[in-house]
Amino acid sequence: MSRHFKKIGIVLGILCIYVSACVCFAFAIFNGLFLMESFRAHRLDDNSLFFETGIEQVLGFTYKSPKMTIKASRTKPADDFLMSVNFLDGRPPQKCLAPKLFVSTVPKFLRVMVDKQLTNHDKLKYPNSLGTIEIQTILGEDFDLVFVFQTTLDNSSVALTSEELFFTTPIAVEAFKNISAGCSQ
């Protein structure tokens, strides 16, 4: 009788493993289909709005370029931005209240339009780094945004990368120059 229970136990164990494997396989297929559908959803329409928020929603704005890092932050939306500028060439850091030119330029990065979605192959046409913009909002760090900007050799077109999305945007190179002026505006 004991052998009989052992055989039943082994058969049930194998059956449990088989059922578990089938459930895992079904879950993987379902998840794969969901991920594929999610990937397809990342198709952007040309001339569409990608992101928009108001300056009153922004608590932090960081610009990292090949030459410097600028951080502007505030504790409440009604406060002024305090800015720190760190240069990568060894110049002494700067601290100041964010100048008017900076504050008036930030909204250009808070309404991001898609001119045209690009492919990974198109990245070769945008070899120059303009830098990375990080935006912290009142919604918390789960909603922080990171945009990587690149430009063509002649600075005639700006492209943005966010996660796996890559597209041209009408944000002008001039906006990056205004942000880069830092405390010396």
C-alpha atoms as a PDB file:
ATOM      1  CA  MET A   1       0.000   0.000   0.000  1.00  0.00           C
ATOM      2  CA  SER A   2       2.854   2.316   0.749  1.00  0.00           C
ATOM      3  CA  ARG A   3       4.237   1.809  -2.764  1.00  0.00           C
ATOM      4  CA  HIS A   4       0.883   2.618  -4.208  1.00  0.00           C
ATOM      5  CA  PHE A   5       0.821   5.988  -2.366  1.00  0.00           C
ATOM      6  CA  LYS A   6       4.369   6.701  -3.528  1.00  0.00           C
ATOM      7  CA  LYS A   7       3.370   6.120  -7.144  1.00  0.00           C
ATOM      8  CA  ILE A   8       0.304   8.315  -6.741  1.00  0.00           C
ATOM      9  CA  GLY A   9       2.466  10.997  -5.096  1.00  0.00           C
ATOM     10  CA  ILE A  10       4.996  10.881  -7.942  1.00  0.00           C
ATOM     11  CA  VAL A  11       2.258  11.039 -10.568  1.00  0.00           C
ATOM     12  CA  LEU A  12       0.604  13.968  -8.769  1.00  0.00           C
ATOM     13  CA  GLY A  13       3.972  15.728  -8.426  1.00  0.00           C
ATOM     14  CA  ILE A  14       4.686  15.327 -12.131  1.00  0.00           C
ATOM     15  CA  LEU A  15       1.156  16.460 -12.933  1.00  0.00           C
ATOM     16  CA  CYS A  16       1.606  19.582 -10.746  1.00  0.00           C
ATOM     17  CA  ILE A  17       4.887  20.415 -12.460  1.00  0.00           C
ATOM     18  CA  TYR A  18       3.278  19.910 -15.874  1.00  0.00           C
ATOM     19  CA  VAL A  19       0.274  22.117 -14.993  1.00  0.00           C
ATOM     20  CA  SER A  20       2.591  24.788 -13.528  1.00  0.00           C
ATOM     21  CA  ALA A  21       4.687  24.746 -16.692  1.00  0.00           C
ATOM     22  CA  CYS A  22       1.548  25.092 -18.835  1.00  0.00           C
ATOM     23  CA  VAL A  23       0.311  28.009 -16.737  1.00  0.00           C
ATOM     24  CA  CYS A  24       3.721  29.712 -16.931  1.00  0.00           C
ATOM     25  CA  PHE A  25       3.846  29.150 -20.686  1.00  0.00           C
ATOM     26  CA  ALA A  26       0.328  30.563 -21.137  1.00  0.00           C
ATOM     27  CA  PHE A  27       1.227  33.558 -18.976  1.00  0.00           C
ATOM     28  CA  ALA A  28       4.395  34.146 -21.014  1.00  0.00           C
ATOM     29  CA  ILE A  29       2.437  34.045 -24.268  1.00  0.00           C
ATOM     30  CA  PHE A  30      -0.201  36.411 -22.894  1.00  0.00           C
ATOM     31  CA  ASN A  31       2.461  38.731 -21.527  1.00  0.00           C
ATOM     32  CA  GLY A  32       4.335  38.619 -24.825  1.00  0.00           C
ATOM     33  CA  LEU A  33       1.222  39.584 -26.732  1.00  0.00           C
ATOM     34  CA  PHE A  34       0.590  42.369 -24.252  1.00  0.00           C
ATOM     35  CA  LEU A  35       4.161  43.620 -24.603  1.00  0.00           C
ATOM     36  CA  MET A  36       3.943  43.445 -28.384  1.00  0.00           C
ATOM     37  CA  GLU A  37       0.712  45.443 -28.267  1.00  0.00           C
ATOM     38  CA  SER A  38       2.370  47.906 -25.894  1.00  0.00           C
ATOM     39  CA  PHE A  39       5.313  48.234 -28.277  1.00  0.00           C
ATOM     40  CA  ARG A  40       2.971  48.934 -31.184  1.00  0.00           C
ATOM     41  CA  ALA A  41       1.319  51.624 -29.075  1.00  0.00           C
ATOM     42  CA  HIS A  42       4.579  53.584 -29.134  1.00  0.00           C
ATOM     43  CA  ARG A  43       3.952  54.725 -32.665  1.00  0.00           C
ATOM     44  CA  LEU A  44       3.765  58.499 -32.587  1.00  0.00           C
ATOM     45  CA  ASP A  45       1.761  60.567 -35.007  1.00  0.00           C
ATOM     46  CA  ASP A  46       3.684  63.261 -36.857  1.00  0.00           C
ATOM     47  CA  ASN A  47       2.835  66.800 -35.746  1.00  0.00           C
ATOM     48  CA  SER A  48       1.377  65.600 -32.440  1.00  0.00           C
ATOM     49  CA  LEU A  49       1.811  66.524 -28.794  1.00  0.00           C
ATOM     50  CA  PHE A  50       4.195  64.199 -26.920  1.00  0.00           C
ATOM     51  CA  PHE A  51       4.290  65.848 -23.489  1.00  0.00           C
ATOM     52  CA  GLU A  52       2.944  68.939 -21.803  1.00  0.00           C
ATOM     53  CA  THR A  53       2.946  70.339 -18.294  1.00  0.00           C
ATOM     54  CA  GLY A  54       2.861  73.815 -16.835  1.00  0.00           C
ATOM     55  CA  ILE A  55       5.774  75.583 -15.163  1.00  0.00           C
ATOM     56  CA  GLU A  56       3.694  75.576 -11.966  1.00  0.00           C
ATOM     57  CA  GLN A  57       3.982  71.755 -11.924  1.00  0.00           C
ATOM     58  CA  VAL A  58       7.797  71.774 -12.079  1.00  0.00           C
ATOM     59  CA  LEU A  59       9.899  71.498  -8.927  1.00  0.00           C
ATOM     60  CA  GLY A  60      13.194  70.615 -10.603  1.00  0.00           C
ATOM     61  CA  PHE A  61      14.824  71.116 -13.979  1.00  0.00           C
ATOM     62  CA  THR A  62      18.265  69.689 -14.732  1.00  0.00           C
ATOM     63  CA  TYR A  63      20.257  70.247 -17.899  1.00  0.00           C
ATOM     64  CA  LYS A  64      23.342  68.106 -18.471  1.00  0.00           C
ATOM     65  CA  SER A  65      25.480  68.953 -21.473  1.00  0.00           C
ATOM     66  CA  PRO A  66      28.976  67.887 -22.502  1.00  0.00           C
ATOM     67  CA  LYS A  67      30.231  71.138 -20.905  1.00  0.00           C
ATOM     68  CA  MET A  68      28.140  71.638 -17.758  1.00  0.00           C
ATOM     69  CA  THR A  69      25.358  70.565 -15.447  1.00  0.00           C
ATOM     70  CA  ILE A  70      22.696  73.079 -14.460  1.00  0.00           C
ATOM     71  CA  LYS A  71      20.217  72.244 -11.719  1.00  0.00           C
ATOM     72  CA  ALA A  72      17.297  74.498 -10.914  1.00  0.00           C
ATOM     73  CA  SER A  73      15.017  73.500  -8.080  1.00  0.00           C
ATOM     74  CA  ARG A  74      12.404  74.784  -5.686  1.00  0.00           C
ATOM     75  CA  THR A  75      10.466  73.258  -2.823  1.00  0.00           C
ATOM     76  CA  LYS A  76       7.045  74.677  -3.744  1.00  0.00           C
ATOM     77  CA  PRO A  77       5.591  75.710  -7.102  1.00  0.00           C
ATOM     78  CA  ALA A  78       5.224  79.317  -5.925  1.00  0.00           C
ATOM     79  CA  ASP A  79       8.946  79.618  -5.059  1.00  0.00           C
ATOM     80  CA  ASP A  80      11.646  80.940  -7.365  1.00  0.00           C
ATOM     81  CA  PHE A  81      14.095  78.444  -8.823  1.00  0.00           C
ATOM     82  CA  LEU A  82      17.485  78.272  -7.131  1.00  0.00           C
ATOM     83  CA  MET A  83      20.148  77.407  -9.677  1.00  0.00           C
ATOM     84  CA  SER A  84      23.534  75.737  -9.417  1.00  0.00           C
ATOM     85  CA  VAL A  85      25.907  75.478 -12.351  1.00  0.00           C
ATOM     86  CA  ASN A  86      28.822  73.039 -12.388  1.00  0.00           C
ATOM     87  CA  PHE A  87      31.312  73.284 -15.240  1.00  0.00           C
ATOM     88  CA  LEU A  88      33.169  70.217 -16.477  1.00  0.00           C
ATOM     89  CA  ASP A  89      36.229  72.269 -17.507  1.00  0.00           C
ATOM     90  CA  GLY A  90      37.184  73.111 -13.919  1.00  0.00           C
ATOM     91  CA  ARG A  91      35.712  76.614 -13.657  1.00  0.00           C
ATOM     92  CA  PRO A  92      34.280  77.348 -10.215  1.00  0.00           C
ATOM     93  CA  PRO A  93      30.614  76.451  -9.710  1.00  0.00           C
ATOM     94  CA  GLN A  94      27.954  79.158  -9.662  1.00  0.00           C
ATOM     95  CA  LYS A  95      24.811  79.555  -7.568  1.00  0.00           C
ATOM     96  CA  CYS A  96      22.042  82.080  -8.102  1.00  0.00           C
ATOM     97  CA  LEU A  97      18.315  82.662  -8.355  1.00  0.00           C
ATOM     98  CA  ALA A  98      17.356  81.482 -11.820  1.00  0.00           C
ATOM     99  CA  PRO A  99      17.577  84.444 -14.206  1.00  0.00           C
ATOM    100  CA  LYS A 100      14.562  85.594 -16.251  1.00  0.00           C
ATOM    101  CA  LEU A 101      15.989  84.178 -19.507  1.00  0.00           C
ATOM    102  CA  PHE A 102      16.252  80.728 -17.931  1.00  0.00           C
ATOM    103  CA  VAL A 103      12.740  80.880 -16.431  1.00  0.00           C
ATOM    104  CA  SER A 104      11.258  82.081 -19.735  1.00  0.00           C
ATOM    105  CA  THR A 105      13.065  79.323 -21.693  1.00  0.00           C
ATOM    106  CA  VAL A 106      12.092  76.358 -19.468  1.00  0.00           C
ATOM    107  CA  PRO A 107       8.477  76.249 -20.826  1.00  0.00           C
ATOM    108  CA  LYS A 108       9.884  75.455 -24.288  1.00  0.00           C
ATOM    109  CA  PHE A 109      10.855  72.067 -22.816  1.00  0.00           C
ATOM    110  CA  LEU A 110       7.515  71.597 -21.051  1.00  0.00           C
ATOM    111  CA  ARG A 111       5.482  71.362 -24.248  1.00  0.00           C
ATOM    112  CA  VAL A 112       7.172  68.836 -26.494  1.00  0.00           C
ATOM    113  CA  MET A 113       5.806  68.324 -29.984  1.00  0.00           C
ATOM    114  CA  VAL A 114       6.619  65.470 -32.365  1.00  0.00           C
ATOM    115  CA  ASP A 115       7.541  66.716 -35.832  1.00  0.00           C
ATOM    116  CA  LYS A 116       8.312  63.255 -37.162  1.00  0.00           C
ATOM    117  CA  GLN A 117       9.039  59.889 -35.546  1.00  0.00           C
ATOM    118  CA  LEU A 118      12.433  58.514 -36.550  1.00  0.00           C
ATOM    119  CA  THR A 119      13.997  55.075 -36.685  1.00  0.00           C
ATOM    120  CA  ASN A 120      17.185  53.913 -34.994  1.00  0.00           C
ATOM    121  CA  HIS A 121      18.877  54.160 -38.395  1.00  0.00           C
ATOM    122  CA  ASP A 122      18.079  57.909 -38.410  1.00  0.00           C
ATOM    123  CA  LYS A 123      20.178  58.401 -35.253  1.00  0.00           C
ATOM    124  CA  LEU A 124      23.268  58.564 -37.452  1.00  0.00           C
ATOM    125  CA  LYS A 125      21.927  61.846 -38.858  1.00  0.00           C
ATOM    126  CA  TYR A 126      21.934  63.362 -35.328  1.00  0.00           C
ATOM    127  CA  PRO A 127      25.520  62.910 -34.102  1.00  0.00           C
ATOM    128  CA  ASN A 128      25.836  66.009 -31.903  1.00  0.00           C
ATOM    129  CA  SER A 129      24.679  65.853 -28.297  1.00  0.00           C
ATOM    130  CA  LEU A 130      22.782  68.877 -27.040  1.00  0.00           C
ATOM    131  CA  GLY A 131      22.377  67.280 -23.632  1.00  0.00           C
ATOM    132  CA  THR A 132      19.870  65.701 -21.323  1.00  0.00           C
ATOM    133  CA  ILE A 133      16.910  67.410 -19.686  1.00  0.00           C
ATOM    134  CA  GLU A 134      15.431  65.945 -16.511  1.00  0.00           C
ATOM    135  CA  ILE A 135      12.135  67.335 -15.260  1.00  0.00           C
ATOM    136  CA  GLN A 136      10.856  66.719 -11.730  1.00  0.00           C
ATOM    137  CA  THR A 137       7.204  67.537 -11.166  1.00  0.00           C
ATOM    138  CA  ILE A 138       4.972  67.836  -8.118  1.00  0.00           C
ATOM    139  CA  LEU A 139       3.671  64.336  -8.944  1.00  0.00           C
ATOM    140  CA  GLY A 140       6.808  62.735  -7.509  1.00  0.00           C
ATOM    141  CA  GLU A 141       9.797  60.796  -8.785  1.00  0.00           C
ATOM    142  CA  ASP A 142       7.673  58.098 -10.436  1.00  0.00           C
ATOM    143  CA  PHE A 143       6.661  60.770 -12.937  1.00  0.00           C
ATOM    144  CA  ASP A 144      10.079  62.354 -13.519  1.00  0.00           C
ATOM    145  CA  LEU A 145      10.971  62.703 -17.174  1.00  0.00           C
ATOM    146  CA  VAL A 146      14.302  62.341 -18.946  1.00  0.00           C
ATOM    147  CA  PHE A 147      14.770  63.622 -22.488  1.00  0.00           C
ATOM    148  CA  VAL A 148      18.004  63.217 -24.466  1.00  0.00           C
ATOM    149  CA  PHE A 149      18.496  65.769 -27.240  1.00  0.00           C
ATOM    150  CA  GLN A 150      20.718  65.475 -30.298  1.00  0.00           C
ATOM    151  CA  THR A 151      21.175  67.628 -33.359  1.00  0.00           C
ATOM    152  CA  THR A 152      22.370  67.377 -36.930  1.00  0.00           C
ATOM    153  CA  LEU A 153      25.878  68.498 -37.859  1.00  0.00           C
ATOM    154  CA  ASP A 154      24.560  71.862 -39.068  1.00  0.00           C
ATOM    155  CA  ASN A 155      22.174  72.301 -36.083  1.00  0.00           C
ATOM    156  CA  SER A 156      19.231  72.511 -38.497  1.00  0.00           C
ATOM    157  CA  SER A 157      17.165  69.824 -36.748  1.00  0.00           C
ATOM    158  CA  VAL A 158      16.775  68.677 -33.137  1.00  0.00           C
ATOM    159  CA  ALA A 159      15.826  65.113 -32.207  1.00  0.00           C
ATOM    160  CA  LEU A 160      14.638  63.818 -28.853  1.00  0.00           C
ATOM    161  CA  THR A 161      15.025  60.352 -27.368  1.00  0.00           C
ATOM    162  CA  SER A 162      12.806  59.256 -24.505  1.00  0.00           C
ATOM    163  CA  GLU A 163      12.918  55.586 -23.573  1.00  0.00           C
ATOM    164  CA  GLU A 164      12.648  53.770 -26.933  1.00  0.00           C
ATOM    165  CA  LEU A 165      11.057  56.721 -28.759  1.00  0.00           C
ATOM    166  CA  PHE A 166      13.070  58.866 -31.156  1.00  0.00           C
ATOM    167  CA  PHE A 167      11.635  61.842 -33.036  1.00  0.00           C
ATOM    168  CA  THR A 168      12.355  65.324 -34.314  1.00  0.00           C
ATOM    169  CA  THR A 169      10.952  68.214 -32.343  1.00  0.00           C
ATOM    170  CA  PRO A 170      10.617  71.944 -33.081  1.00  0.00           C
ATOM    171  CA  ILE A 171      12.602  72.920 -29.975  1.00  0.00           C
ATOM    172  CA  ALA A 172      15.327  75.187 -31.366  1.00  0.00           C
ATOM    173  CA  VAL A 173      19.047  74.975 -30.608  1.00  0.00           C
ATOM    174  CA  GLU A 174      18.690  78.554 -29.325  1.00  0.00           C
ATOM    175  CA  ALA A 175      16.711  77.267 -26.318  1.00  0.00           C
ATOM    176  CA  PHE A 176      19.715  75.163 -25.263  1.00  0.00           C
ATOM    177  CA  LYS A 177      21.978  78.220 -25.575  1.00  0.00           C
ATOM    178  CA  ASN A 178      19.603  80.204 -23.351  1.00  0.00           C
ATOM    179  CA  ILE A 179      19.591  77.441 -20.701  1.00  0.00           C
ATOM    180  CA  SER A 180      23.398  77.109 -20.940  1.00  0.00           C
ATOM    181  CA  ALA A 181      23.885  80.769 -20.057  1.00  0.00           C
ATOM    182  CA  GLY A 182      23.280  79.711 -16.445  1.00  0.00           C
ATOM    183  CA  CYS A 183      23.783  82.397 -13.818  1.00  0.00           C
ATOM    184  CA  SER A 184      25.556  84.765 -16.214  1.00  0.00           C
ATOM    185  CA  GLN A 185      22.367  85.744 -18.061  1.00  0.00           C
END
